[in-house]
């Protein structure tokens, strides 16, 4: 968060700002709904 705020010169910058949170959430949704949703696949797809 500190780095994002410095890079974007924006006091509201956070890990959500450039889509990392939404992308990880989408990856988890794919793992759970379309794949087996195993304990191994969920973190891999989130990353």
ModelCIF file with pLDDT and N, C-alpha, C, O atoms, coordinates in Angstrom:
data_MODEL
#
_entry.id   MODEL 
#
_entity.id                         1 
_entity.type                       polymer 
_entity.pdbx_number_of_molecules   1 
#
_entity_poly.entity_id                      1 
_entity_poly.type                           'polypeptide(L)' 
_entity_poly.nstd_linkage                   no 
_entity_poly.nstd_monomer                   no 
_entity_poly.pdbx_seq_one_letter_code       
;(UNK)(UNK)(UNK)(UNK)(UNK)(UNK)(UNK)(UNK)(UNK)(UNK)(UNK)(UNK)(UNK)(UNK)(UNK)(UNK)
(UNK)(UNK)(UNK)(UNK)(UNK)(UNK)(UNK)(UNK)(UNK)(UNK)(UNK)(UNK)(UNK)(UNK)(UNK)(UNK)
(UNK)(UNK)(UNK)(UNK)(UNK)(UNK)(UNK)(UNK)(UNK)(UNK)(UNK)(UNK)(UNK)(UNK)(UNK)
;
_entity_poly.pdbx_seq_one_letter_code_can   XXXXXXXXXXXXXXXXXXXXXXXXXXXXXXXXXXXXXXXXXXXXXXX 
_entity_poly.pdbx_strand_id                 A 
#
loop_
_entity_poly_seq.entity_id 
_entity_poly_seq.num 
_entity_poly_seq.mon_id 
_entity_poly_seq.hetero 
1 1  UNK n 
1 2  UNK n 
1 3  UNK n 
1 4  UNK n 
1 5  UNK n 
1 6  UNK n 
1 7  UNK n 
1 8  UNK n 
1 9  UNK n 
1 10 UNK n 
1 11 UNK n 
1 12 UNK n 
1 13 UNK n 
1 14 UNK n 
1 15 UNK n 
1 16 UNK n 
1 17 UNK n 
1 18 UNK n 
1 19 UNK n 
1 20 UNK n 
1 21 UNK n 
1 22 UNK n 
1 23 UNK n 
1 24 UNK n 
1 25 UNK n 
1 26 UNK n 
1 27 UNK n 
1 28 UNK n 
1 29 UNK n 
1 30 UNK n 
1 31 UNK n 
1 32 UNK n 
1 33 UNK n 
1 34 UNK n 
1 35 UNK n 
1 36 UNK n 
1 37 UNK n 
1 38 UNK n 
1 39 UNK n 
1 40 UNK n 
1 41 UNK n 
1 42 UNK n 
1 43 UNK n 
1 44 UNK n 
1 45 UNK n 
1 46 UNK n 
1 47 UNK n 
#
_struct_asym.id          A 
_struct_asym.entity_id   1 
#
loop_
_ma_qa_metric.id 
_ma_qa_metric.mode 
_ma_qa_metric.name 
_ma_qa_metric.software_group_id 
_ma_qa_metric.type 
1 global pLDDT . pLDDT 
2 local  pLDDT . pLDDT 
#
_ma_qa_metric_global.metric_id      1 
_ma_qa_metric_global.metric_value   82.28 
_ma_qa_metric_global.model_id       1 
_ma_qa_metric_global.ordinal_id     1 
#
loop_
_ma_qa_metric_local.label_asym_id 
_ma_qa_metric_local.label_comp_id 
_ma_qa_metric_local.label_seq_id 
_ma_qa_metric_local.metric_id 
_ma_qa_metric_local.metric_value 
_ma_qa_metric_local.model_id 
_ma_qa_metric_local.ordinal_id 
A UNK 1  2 90.00 1 1  
A UNK 2  2 92.00 1 2  
A UNK 3  2 91.00 1 3  
A UNK 4  2 88.00 1 4  
A UNK 5  2 86.00 1 5  
A UNK 6  2 85.00 1 6  
A UNK 7  2 83.00 1 7  
A UNK 8  2 80.00 1 8  
A UNK 9  2 77.00 1 9  
A UNK 10 2 74.00 1 10 
A UNK 11 2 73.00 1 11 
A UNK 12 2 71.00 1 12 
A UNK 13 2 74.00 1 13 
A UNK 14 2 77.00 1 14 
A UNK 15 2 75.00 1 15 
A UNK 16 2 74.00 1 16 
A UNK 17 2 73.00 1 17 
A UNK 18 2 76.00 1 18 
A UNK 19 2 81.00 1 19 
A UNK 20 2 85.00 1 20 
A UNK 21 2 84.00 1 21 
A UNK 22 2 86.00 1 22 
A UNK 23 2 89.00 1 23 
A UNK 24 2 88.00 1 24 
A UNK 25 2 87.00 1 25 
A UNK 26 2 89.00 1 26 
A UNK 27 2 89.00 1 27 
A UNK 28 2 88.00 1 28 
A UNK 29 2 88.00 1 29 
A UNK 30 2 90.00 1 30 
A UNK 31 2 88.00 1 31 
A UNK 32 2 87.00 1 32 
A UNK 33 2 87.00 1 33 
A UNK 34 2 85.00 1 34 
A UNK 35 2 79.00 1 35 
A UNK 36 2 72.00 1 36 
A UNK 37 2 69.00 1 37 
A UNK 38 2 73.00 1 38 
A UNK 39 2 71.00 1 39 
A UNK 40 2 75.00 1 40 
A UNK 41 2 82.00 1 41 
A UNK 42 2 83.00 1 42 
A UNK 43 2 85.00 1 43 
A UNK 44 2 86.00 1 44 
A UNK 45 2 87.00 1 45 
A UNK 46 2 87.00 1 46 
A UNK 47 2 88.00 1 47 
#
loop_
_atom_site.group_PDB 
_atom_site.id 
_atom_site.type_symbol 
_atom_site.label_atom_id 
_atom_site.label_alt_id 
_atom_site.label_comp_id 
_atom_site.label_asym_id 
_atom_site.label_entity_id 
_atom_site.label_seq_id 
_atom_site.pdbx_PDB_ins_code 
_atom_site.Cartn_x 
_atom_site.Cartn_y 
_atom_site.Cartn_z 
_atom_site.occupancy 
_atom_site.B_iso_or_equiv 
_atom_site.pdbx_formal_charge 
_atom_site.auth_seq_id 
_atom_site.auth_comp_id 
_atom_site.auth_asym_id 
_atom_site.auth_atom_id 
_atom_site.pdbx_PDB_model_num 
ATOM 1   N N  . UNK A 1 1  ? 0.814   -1.209  0.000   1.00 90.00 ? 1  UNK A N  1 
ATOM 2   C CA . UNK A 1 1  ? 0.000   0.000   0.000   1.00 90.00 ? 1  UNK A CA 1 
ATOM 3   C C  . UNK A 1 1  ? 0.845   1.255   0.000   1.00 90.00 ? 1  UNK A C  1 
ATOM 4   O O  . UNK A 1 1  ? 0.538   2.210   -0.712  1.00 90.00 ? 1  UNK A O  1 
ATOM 5   N N  . UNK A 1 2  ? 1.910   1.265   0.792   1.00 92.00 ? 2  UNK A N  1 
ATOM 6   C CA . UNK A 1 2  ? 2.824   2.412   0.814   1.00 92.00 ? 2  UNK A CA 1 
ATOM 7   C C  . UNK A 1 2  ? 3.438   2.638   -0.563  1.00 92.00 ? 2  UNK A C  1 
ATOM 8   O O  . UNK A 1 2  ? 3.527   3.771   -1.037  1.00 92.00 ? 2  UNK A O  1 
ATOM 9   N N  . UNK A 1 3  ? 3.862   1.539   -1.203  1.00 91.00 ? 3  UNK A N  1 
ATOM 10  C CA . UNK A 1 3  ? 4.486   1.649   -2.519  1.00 91.00 ? 3  UNK A CA 1 
ATOM 11  C C  . UNK A 1 3  ? 3.483   2.146   -3.556  1.00 91.00 ? 3  UNK A C  1 
ATOM 12  O O  . UNK A 1 3  ? 3.813   3.014   -4.365  1.00 91.00 ? 3  UNK A O  1 
ATOM 13  N N  . UNK A 1 4  ? 2.260   1.606   -3.543  1.00 88.00 ? 4  UNK A N  1 
ATOM 14  C CA . UNK A 1 4  ? 1.248   2.059   -4.491  1.00 88.00 ? 4  UNK A CA 1 
ATOM 15  C C  . UNK A 1 4  ? 0.966   3.556   -4.315  1.00 88.00 ? 4  UNK A C  1 
ATOM 16  O O  . UNK A 1 4  ? 0.850   4.283   -5.301  1.00 88.00 ? 4  UNK A O  1 
ATOM 17  N N  . UNK A 1 5  ? 0.858   4.008   -3.090  1.00 86.00 ? 5  UNK A N  1 
ATOM 18  C CA . UNK A 1 5  ? 0.591   5.424   -2.838  1.00 86.00 ? 5  UNK A CA 1 
ATOM 19  C C  . UNK A 1 5  ? 1.731   6.302   -3.353  1.00 86.00 ? 5  UNK A C  1 
ATOM 20  O O  . UNK A 1 5  ? 1.495   7.387   -3.885  1.00 86.00 ? 5  UNK A O  1 
ATOM 21  N N  . UNK A 1 6  ? 2.965   5.829   -3.191  1.00 85.00 ? 6  UNK A N  1 
ATOM 22  C CA . UNK A 1 6  ? 4.109   6.585   -3.691  1.00 85.00 ? 6  UNK A CA 1 
ATOM 23  C C  . UNK A 1 6  ? 4.155   6.580   -5.217  1.00 85.00 ? 6  UNK A C  1 
ATOM 24  O O  . UNK A 1 6  ? 4.431   7.606   -5.839  1.00 85.00 ? 6  UNK A O  1 
ATOM 25  N N  . UNK A 1 7  ? 3.882   5.414   -5.819  1.00 83.00 ? 7  UNK A N  1 
ATOM 26  C CA . UNK A 1 7  ? 3.958   5.303   -7.273  1.00 83.00 ? 7  UNK A CA 1 
ATOM 27  C C  . UNK A 1 7  ? 2.872   6.115   -7.971  1.00 83.00 ? 7  UNK A C  1 
ATOM 28  O O  . UNK A 1 7  ? 3.132   6.766   -8.983  1.00 83.00 ? 7  UNK A O  1 
ATOM 29  N N  . UNK A 1 8  ? 1.652   6.074   -7.427  1.00 80.00 ? 8  UNK A N  1 
ATOM 30  C CA . UNK A 1 8  ? 0.525   6.752   -8.060  1.00 80.00 ? 8  UNK A CA 1 
ATOM 31  C C  . UNK A 1 8  ? 0.313   8.162   -7.531  1.00 80.00 ? 8  UNK A C  1 
ATOM 32  O O  . UNK A 1 8  ? -0.541  8.896   -8.027  1.00 80.00 ? 8  UNK A O  1 
ATOM 33  N N  . UNK A 1 9  ? 1.110   8.545   -6.500  1.00 77.00 ? 9  UNK A N  1 
ATOM 34  C CA . UNK A 1 9  ? 0.956   9.865   -5.874  1.00 77.00 ? 9  UNK A CA 1 
ATOM 35  C C  . UNK A 1 9  ? -0.504  10.103  -5.489  1.00 77.00 ? 9  UNK A C  1 
ATOM 36  O O  . UNK A 1 9  ? -1.052  11.186  -5.693  1.00 77.00 ? 9  UNK A O  1 
ATOM 37  N N  . UNK A 1 10 ? -1.110  9.072   -4.934  1.00 74.00 ? 10 UNK A N  1 
ATOM 38  C CA . UNK A 1 10 ? -2.526  9.099   -4.598  1.00 74.00 ? 10 UNK A CA 1 
ATOM 39  C C  . UNK A 1 10 ? -2.684  8.560   -3.189  1.00 74.00 ? 10 UNK A C  1 
ATOM 40  O O  . UNK A 1 10 ? -2.296  7.425   -2.912  1.00 74.00 ? 10 UNK A O  1 
ATOM 41  N N  . UNK A 1 11 ? -3.248  9.360   -2.296  1.00 73.00 ? 11 UNK A N  1 
ATOM 42  C CA . UNK A 1 11 ? -3.349  8.961   -0.891  1.00 73.00 ? 11 UNK A CA 1 
ATOM 43  C C  . UNK A 1 11 ? -4.367  7.856   -0.672  1.00 73.00 ? 11 UNK A C  1 
ATOM 44  O O  . UNK A 1 11 ? -4.412  7.276   0.413   1.00 73.00 ? 11 UNK A O  1 
ATOM 45  N N  . UNK A 1 12 ? -5.185  7.547   -1.668  1.00 71.00 ? 12 UNK A N  1 
ATOM 46  C CA . UNK A 1 12 ? -6.171  6.483   -1.547  1.00 71.00 ? 12 UNK A CA 1 
ATOM 47  C C  . UNK A 1 12 ? -5.757  5.221   -2.292  1.00 71.00 ? 12 UNK A C  1 
ATOM 48  O O  . UNK A 1 12 ? -6.540  4.278   -2.410  1.00 71.00 ? 12 UNK A O  1 
ATOM 49  N N  . UNK A 1 13 ? -4.528  5.204   -2.793  1.00 74.00 ? 13 UNK A N  1 
ATOM 50  C CA . UNK A 1 13 ? -4.056  4.020   -3.496  1.00 74.00 ? 13 UNK A CA 1 
ATOM 51  C C  . UNK A 1 13 ? -3.884  2.873   -2.512  1.00 74.00 ? 13 UNK A C  1 
ATOM 52  O O  . UNK A 1 13 ? -3.421  3.067   -1.388  1.00 74.00 ? 13 UNK A O  1 
ATOM 53  N N  . UNK A 1 14 ? -4.260  1.684   -2.947  1.00 77.00 ? 14 UNK A N  1 
ATOM 54  C CA . UNK A 1 14 ? -4.168  0.490   -2.117  1.00 77.00 ? 14 UNK A CA 1 
ATOM 55  C C  . UNK A 1 14 ? -4.072  -0.707  -3.054  1.00 77.00 ? 14 UNK A C  1 
ATOM 56  O O  . UNK A 1 14 ? -4.182  -0.541  -4.268  1.00 77.00 ? 14 UNK A O  1 
ATOM 57  N N  . UNK A 1 15 ? -3.867  -1.922  -2.513  1.00 75.00 ? 15 UNK A N  1 
ATOM 58  C CA . UNK A 1 15 ? -3.807  -3.091  -3.395  1.00 75.00 ? 15 UNK A CA 1 
ATOM 59  C C  . UNK A 1 15 ? -5.048  -3.309  -4.251  1.00 75.00 ? 15 UNK A C  1 
ATOM 60  O O  . UNK A 1 15 ? -4.997  -4.057  -5.227  1.00 75.00 ? 15 UNK A O  1 
ATOM 61  N N  . UNK A 1 16 ? -6.161  -2.670  -3.904  1.00 74.00 ? 16 UNK A N  1 
ATOM 62  C CA . UNK A 1 16 ? -7.380  -2.806  -4.723  1.00 74.00 ? 16 UNK A CA 1 
ATOM 63  C C  . UNK A 1 16 ? -7.340  -1.936  -5.971  1.00 74.00 ? 16 UNK A C  1 
ATOM 64  O O  . UNK A 1 16 ? -8.092  -2.166  -6.917  1.00 74.00 ? 16 UNK A O  1 
ATOM 65  N N  . UNK A 1 17 ? -6.456  -0.928  -5.972  1.00 73.00 ? 17 UNK A N  1 
ATOM 66  C CA . UNK A 1 17 ? -6.548  0.137   -6.968  1.00 73.00 ? 17 UNK A CA 1 
ATOM 67  C C  . UNK A 1 17 ? -6.345  -0.355  -8.395  1.00 73.00 ? 17 UNK A C  1 
ATOM 68  O O  . UNK A 1 17 ? -7.058  0.078   -9.300  1.00 73.00 ? 17 UNK A O  1 
ATOM 69  N N  . UNK A 1 18 ? -5.386  -1.250  -8.611  1.00 76.00 ? 18 UNK A N  1 
ATOM 70  C CA . UNK A 1 18 ? -5.092  -1.660  -9.985  1.00 76.00 ? 18 UNK A CA 1 
ATOM 71  C C  . UNK A 1 18 ? -5.586  -3.065  -10.279 1.00 76.00 ? 18 UNK A C  1 
ATOM 72  O O  . UNK A 1 18 ? -5.093  -3.728  -11.191 1.00 76.00 ? 18 UNK A O  1 
ATOM 73  N N  . UNK A 1 19 ? -6.564  -3.516  -9.500  1.00 81.00 ? 19 UNK A N  1 
ATOM 74  C CA . UNK A 1 19 ? -7.276  -4.733  -9.848  1.00 81.00 ? 19 UNK A CA 1 
ATOM 75  C C  . UNK A 1 19 ? -6.756  -6.023  -9.269  1.00 81.00 ? 19 UNK A C  1 
ATOM 76  O O  . UNK A 1 19 ? -7.286  -7.086  -9.590  1.00 81.00 ? 19 UNK A O  1 
ATOM 77  N N  . UNK A 1 20 ? -5.720  -5.975  -8.411  1.00 85.00 ? 20 UNK A N  1 
ATOM 78  C CA . UNK A 1 20 ? -5.165  -7.225  -7.902  1.00 85.00 ? 20 UNK A CA 1 
ATOM 79  C C  . UNK A 1 20 ? -6.179  -7.980  -7.048  1.00 85.00 ? 20 UNK A C  1 
ATOM 80  O O  . UNK A 1 20 ? -6.264  -9.205  -7.130  1.00 85.00 ? 20 UNK A O  1 
ATOM 81  N N  . UNK A 1 21 ? -6.947  -7.265  -6.232  1.00 84.00 ? 21 UNK A N  1 
ATOM 82  C CA . UNK A 1 21 ? -7.935  -7.925  -5.378  1.00 84.00 ? 21 UNK A CA 1 
ATOM 83  C C  . UNK A 1 21 ? -9.047  -8.548  -6.215  1.00 84.00 ? 21 UNK A C  1 
ATOM 84  O O  . UNK A 1 21 ? -9.432  -9.695  -5.990  1.00 84.00 ? 21 UNK A O  1 
ATOM 85  N N  . UNK A 1 22 ? -9.564  -7.787  -7.182  1.00 86.00 ? 22 UNK A N  1 
ATOM 86  C CA . UNK A 1 22 ? -10.626 -8.312  -8.038  1.00 86.00 ? 22 UNK A CA 1 
ATOM 87  C C  . UNK A 1 22 ? -10.140 -9.479  -8.878  1.00 86.00 ? 22 UNK A C  1 
ATOM 88  O O  . UNK A 1 22 ? -10.875 -10.443 -9.092  1.00 86.00 ? 22 UNK A O  1 
ATOM 89  N N  . UNK A 1 23 ? -8.894  -9.398  -9.360  1.00 89.00 ? 23 UNK A N  1 
ATOM 90  C CA . UNK A 1 23 ? -8.336  -10.497 -10.140 1.00 89.00 ? 23 UNK A CA 1 
ATOM 91  C C  . UNK A 1 23 ? -8.183  -11.759 -9.317  1.00 89.00 ? 23 UNK A C  1 
ATOM 92  O O  . UNK A 1 23 ? -8.493  -12.855 -9.785  1.00 89.00 ? 23 UNK A O  1 
ATOM 93  N N  . UNK A 1 24 ? -7.699  -11.603 -8.072  1.00 88.00 ? 24 UNK A N  1 
ATOM 94  C CA . UNK A 1 24 ? -7.567  -12.764 -7.195  1.00 88.00 ? 24 UNK A CA 1 
ATOM 95  C C  . UNK A 1 24 ? -8.930  -13.368 -6.882  1.00 88.00 ? 24 UNK A C  1 
ATOM 96  O O  . UNK A 1 24 ? -9.089  -14.588 -6.844  1.00 88.00 ? 24 UNK A O  1 
ATOM 97  N N  . UNK A 1 25 ? -9.907  -12.499 -6.658  1.00 87.00 ? 25 UNK A N  1 
ATOM 98  C CA . UNK A 1 25 ? -11.264 -12.971 -6.375  1.00 87.00 ? 25 UNK A CA 1 
ATOM 99  C C  . UNK A 1 25 ? -11.837 -13.738 -7.568  1.00 87.00 ? 25 UNK A C  1 
ATOM 100 O O  . UNK A 1 25 ? -12.495 -14.765 -7.395  1.00 87.00 ? 25 UNK A O  1 
ATOM 101 N N  . UNK A 1 26 ? -11.583 -13.234 -8.775  1.00 89.00 ? 26 UNK A N  1 
ATOM 102 C CA . UNK A 1 26 ? -12.040 -13.932 -9.975  1.00 89.00 ? 26 UNK A CA 1 
ATOM 103 C C  . UNK A 1 26 ? -11.344 -15.278 -10.117 1.00 89.00 ? 26 UNK A C  1 
ATOM 104 O O  . UNK A 1 26 ? -11.967 -16.266 -10.504 1.00 89.00 ? 26 UNK A O  1 
ATOM 105 N N  . UNK A 1 27 ? -10.044 -15.316 -9.802  1.00 89.00 ? 27 UNK A N  1 
ATOM 106 C CA . UNK A 1 27 ? -9.317  -16.579 -9.862  1.00 89.00 ? 27 UNK A CA 1 
ATOM 107 C C  . UNK A 1 27 ? -9.889  -17.614 -8.914  1.00 89.00 ? 27 UNK A C  1 
ATOM 108 O O  . UNK A 1 27 ? -10.013 -18.786 -9.270  1.00 89.00 ? 27 UNK A O  1 
ATOM 109 N N  . UNK A 1 28 ? -10.238 -17.189 -7.710  1.00 88.00 ? 28 UNK A N  1 
ATOM 110 C CA . UNK A 1 28 ? -10.841 -18.098 -6.732  1.00 88.00 ? 28 UNK A CA 1 
ATOM 111 C C  . UNK A 1 28 ? -12.197 -18.594 -7.227  1.00 88.00 ? 28 UNK A C  1 
ATOM 112 O O  . UNK A 1 28 ? -12.522 -19.773 -7.084  1.00 88.00 ? 28 UNK A O  1 
ATOM 113 N N  . UNK A 1 29 ? -12.987 -17.690 -7.809  1.00 88.00 ? 29 UNK A N  1 
ATOM 114 C CA . UNK A 1 29 ? -14.293 -18.086 -8.328  1.00 88.00 ? 29 UNK A CA 1 
ATOM 115 C C  . UNK A 1 29 ? -14.155 -19.143 -9.420  1.00 88.00 ? 29 UNK A C  1 
ATOM 116 O O  . UNK A 1 29 ? -14.926 -20.101 -9.463  1.00 88.00 ? 29 UNK A O  1 
ATOM 117 N N  . UNK A 1 30 ? -13.178 -18.968 -10.294 1.00 90.00 ? 30 UNK A N  1 
ATOM 118 C CA . UNK A 1 30 ? -12.937 -19.957 -11.347 1.00 90.00 ? 30 UNK A CA 1 
ATOM 119 C C  . UNK A 1 30 ? -12.536 -21.293 -10.733 1.00 90.00 ? 30 UNK A C  1 
ATOM 120 O O  . UNK A 1 30 ? -13.009 -22.346 -11.159 1.00 90.00 ? 30 UNK A O  1 
ATOM 121 N N  . UNK A 1 31 ? -11.653 -21.244 -9.721  1.00 88.00 ? 31 UNK A N  1 
ATOM 122 C CA . UNK A 1 31 ? -11.186 -22.480 -9.088  1.00 88.00 ? 31 UNK A CA 1 
ATOM 123 C C  . UNK A 1 31 ? -12.319 -23.226 -8.402  1.00 88.00 ? 31 UNK A C  1 
ATOM 124 O O  . UNK A 1 31 ? -12.387 -24.453 -8.474  1.00 88.00 ? 31 UNK A O  1 
ATOM 125 N N  . UNK A 1 32 ? -13.210 -22.496 -7.736  1.00 87.00 ? 32 UNK A N  1 
ATOM 126 C CA . UNK A 1 32 ? -14.278 -23.131 -6.957  1.00 87.00 ? 32 UNK A CA 1 
ATOM 127 C C  . UNK A 1 32 ? -15.420 -23.611 -7.855  1.00 87.00 ? 32 UNK A C  1 
ATOM 128 O O  . UNK A 1 32 ? -15.943 -24.709 -7.662  1.00 87.00 ? 32 UNK A O  1 
ATOM 129 N N  . UNK A 1 33 ? -15.803 -22.797 -8.829  1.00 87.00 ? 33 UNK A N  1 
ATOM 130 C CA . UNK A 1 33 ? -16.985 -23.116 -9.634  1.00 87.00 ? 33 UNK A CA 1 
ATOM 131 C C  . UNK A 1 33 ? -16.650 -24.009 -10.828 1.00 87.00 ? 33 UNK A C  1 
ATOM 132 O O  . UNK A 1 33 ? -17.383 -24.952 -11.125 1.00 87.00 ? 33 UNK A O  1 
ATOM 133 N N  . UNK A 1 34 ? -15.544 -23.712 -11.510 1.00 85.00 ? 34 UNK A N  1 
ATOM 134 C CA . UNK A 1 34 ? -15.237 -24.437 -12.736 1.00 85.00 ? 34 UNK A CA 1 
ATOM 135 C C  . UNK A 1 34 ? -14.224 -25.560 -12.534 1.00 85.00 ? 34 UNK A C  1 
ATOM 136 O O  . UNK A 1 34 ? -14.191 -26.518 -13.307 1.00 85.00 ? 34 UNK A O  1 
ATOM 137 N N  . UNK A 1 35 ? -13.403 -25.441 -11.499 1.00 79.00 ? 35 UNK A N  1 
ATOM 138 C CA . UNK A 1 35 ? -12.448 -26.511 -11.194 1.00 79.00 ? 35 UNK A CA 1 
ATOM 139 C C  . UNK A 1 35 ? -12.918 -27.228 -9.933  1.00 79.00 ? 35 UNK A C  1 
ATOM 140 O O  . UNK A 1 35 ? -14.062 -27.070 -9.507  1.00 79.00 ? 35 UNK A O  1 
ATOM 141 N N  . UNK A 1 36 ? -12.039 -28.004 -9.351  1.00 72.00 ? 36 UNK A N  1 
ATOM 142 C CA . UNK A 1 36 ? -12.448 -28.796 -8.195  1.00 72.00 ? 36 UNK A CA 1 
ATOM 143 C C  . UNK A 1 36 ? -12.565 -27.980 -6.919  1.00 72.00 ? 36 UNK A C  1 
ATOM 144 O O  . UNK A 1 36 ? -13.209 -28.411 -5.963  1.00 72.00 ? 36 UNK A O  1 
ATOM 145 N N  . UNK A 1 37 ? -11.940 -26.790 -6.893  1.00 69.00 ? 37 UNK A N  1 
ATOM 146 C CA . UNK A 1 37 ? -11.982 -25.969 -5.695  1.00 69.00 ? 37 UNK A CA 1 
ATOM 147 C C  . UNK A 1 37 ? -11.188 -26.569 -4.550  1.00 69.00 ? 37 UNK A C  1 
ATOM 148 O O  . UNK A 1 37 ? -11.523 -26.366 -3.383  1.00 69.00 ? 37 UNK A O  1 
ATOM 149 N N  . UNK A 1 38 ? -10.133 -27.312 -4.879  1.00 73.00 ? 38 UNK A N  1 
ATOM 150 C CA . UNK A 1 38 ? -9.346  -27.980 -3.848  1.00 73.00 ? 38 UNK A CA 1 
ATOM 151 C C  . UNK A 1 38 ? -8.488  -26.969 -3.090  1.00 73.00 ? 38 UNK A C  1 
ATOM 152 O O  . UNK A 1 38 ? -8.311  -25.828 -3.518  1.00 73.00 ? 38 UNK A O  1 
ATOM 153 N N  . UNK A 1 39 ? -7.963  -27.420 -1.958  1.00 71.00 ? 39 UNK A N  1 
ATOM 154 C CA . UNK A 1 39 ? -7.113  -26.563 -1.139  1.00 71.00 ? 39 UNK A CA 1 
ATOM 155 C C  . UNK A 1 39 ? -5.855  -26.150 -1.879  1.00 71.00 ? 39 UNK A C  1 
ATOM 156 O O  . UNK A 1 39 ? -5.247  -25.135 -1.538  1.00 71.00 ? 39 UNK A O  1 
ATOM 157 N N  . UNK A 1 40 ? -5.451  -26.916 -2.889  1.00 75.00 ? 40 UNK A N  1 
ATOM 158 C CA . UNK A 1 40 ? -4.277  -26.565 -3.686  1.00 75.00 ? 40 UNK A CA 1 
ATOM 159 C C  . UNK A 1 40 ? -4.620  -25.571 -4.792  1.00 75.00 ? 40 UNK A C  1 
ATOM 160 O O  . UNK A 1 40 ? -3.881  -24.611 -5.014  1.00 75.00 ? 40 UNK A O  1 
ATOM 161 N N  . UNK A 1 41 ? -5.737  -25.795 -5.488  1.00 82.00 ? 41 UNK A N  1 
ATOM 162 C CA . UNK A 1 41 ? -6.076  -24.963 -6.645  1.00 82.00 ? 41 UNK A CA 1 
ATOM 163 C C  . UNK A 1 41 ? -6.495  -23.552 -6.265  1.00 82.00 ? 41 UNK A C  1 
ATOM 164 O O  . UNK A 1 41 ? -6.179  -22.609 -6.989  1.00 82.00 ? 41 UNK A O  1 
ATOM 165 N N  . UNK A 1 42 ? -7.192  -23.380 -5.157  1.00 83.00 ? 42 UNK A N  1 
ATOM 166 C CA . UNK A 1 42 ? -7.711  -22.059 -4.794  1.00 83.00 ? 42 UNK A CA 1 
ATOM 167 C C  . UNK A 1 42 ? -6.589  -21.030 -4.640  1.00 83.00 ? 42 UNK A C  1 
ATOM 168 O O  . UNK A 1 42 ? -6.678  -19.971 -5.262  1.00 83.00 ? 42 UNK A O  1 
ATOM 169 N N  . UNK A 1 43 ? -5.546  -21.272 -3.855  1.00 85.00 ? 43 UNK A N  1 
ATOM 170 C CA . UNK A 1 43 ? -4.483  -20.265 -3.769  1.00 85.00 ? 43 UNK A CA 1 
ATOM 171 C C  . UNK A 1 43 ? -3.730  -20.065 -5.079  1.00 85.00 ? 43 UNK A C  1 
ATOM 172 O O  . UNK A 1 43 ? -3.311  -18.950 -5.390  1.00 85.00 ? 43 UNK A O  1 
ATOM 173 N N  . UNK A 1 44 ? -3.553  -21.142 -5.853  1.00 86.00 ? 44 UNK A N  1 
ATOM 174 C CA . UNK A 1 44 ? -2.862  -21.014 -7.136  1.00 86.00 ? 44 UNK A CA 1 
ATOM 175 C C  . UNK A 1 44 ? -3.650  -20.112 -8.078  1.00 86.00 ? 44 UNK A C  1 
ATOM 176 O O  . UNK A 1 44 ? -3.081  -19.210 -8.695  1.00 86.00 ? 44 UNK A O  1 
ATOM 177 N N  . UNK A 1 45 ? -4.953  -20.349 -8.193  1.00 87.00 ? 45 UNK A N  1 
ATOM 178 C CA . UNK A 1 45 ? -5.787  -19.535 -9.068  1.00 87.00 ? 45 UNK A CA 1 
ATOM 179 C C  . UNK A 1 45 ? -5.909  -18.099 -8.550  1.00 87.00 ? 45 UNK A C  1 
ATOM 180 O O  . UNK A 1 45 ? -5.992  -17.160 -9.342  1.00 87.00 ? 45 UNK A O  1 
ATOM 181 N N  . UNK A 1 46 ? -5.919  -17.930 -7.237  1.00 87.00 ? 46 UNK A N  1 
ATOM 182 C CA . UNK A 1 46 ? -5.979  -16.577 -6.678  1.00 87.00 ? 46 UNK A CA 1 
ATOM 183 C C  . UNK A 1 46 ? -4.728  -15.794 -7.045  1.00 87.00 ? 46 UNK A C  1 
ATOM 184 O O  . UNK A 1 46 ? -4.818  -14.637 -7.455  1.00 87.00 ? 46 UNK A O  1 
ATOM 185 N N  . UNK A 1 47 ? -3.567  -16.413 -6.902  1.00 88.00 ? 47 UNK A N  1 
ATOM 186 C CA . UNK A 1 47 ? -2.309  -15.756 -7.256  1.00 88.00 ? 47 UNK A CA 1 
ATOM 187 C C  . UNK A 1 47 ? -2.276  -15.414 -8.741  1.00 88.00 ? 47 UNK A C  1 
ATOM 188 O O  . UNK A 1 47 ? -1.292  -14.855 -9.224  1.00 88.00 ? 47 UNK A O  1 
#
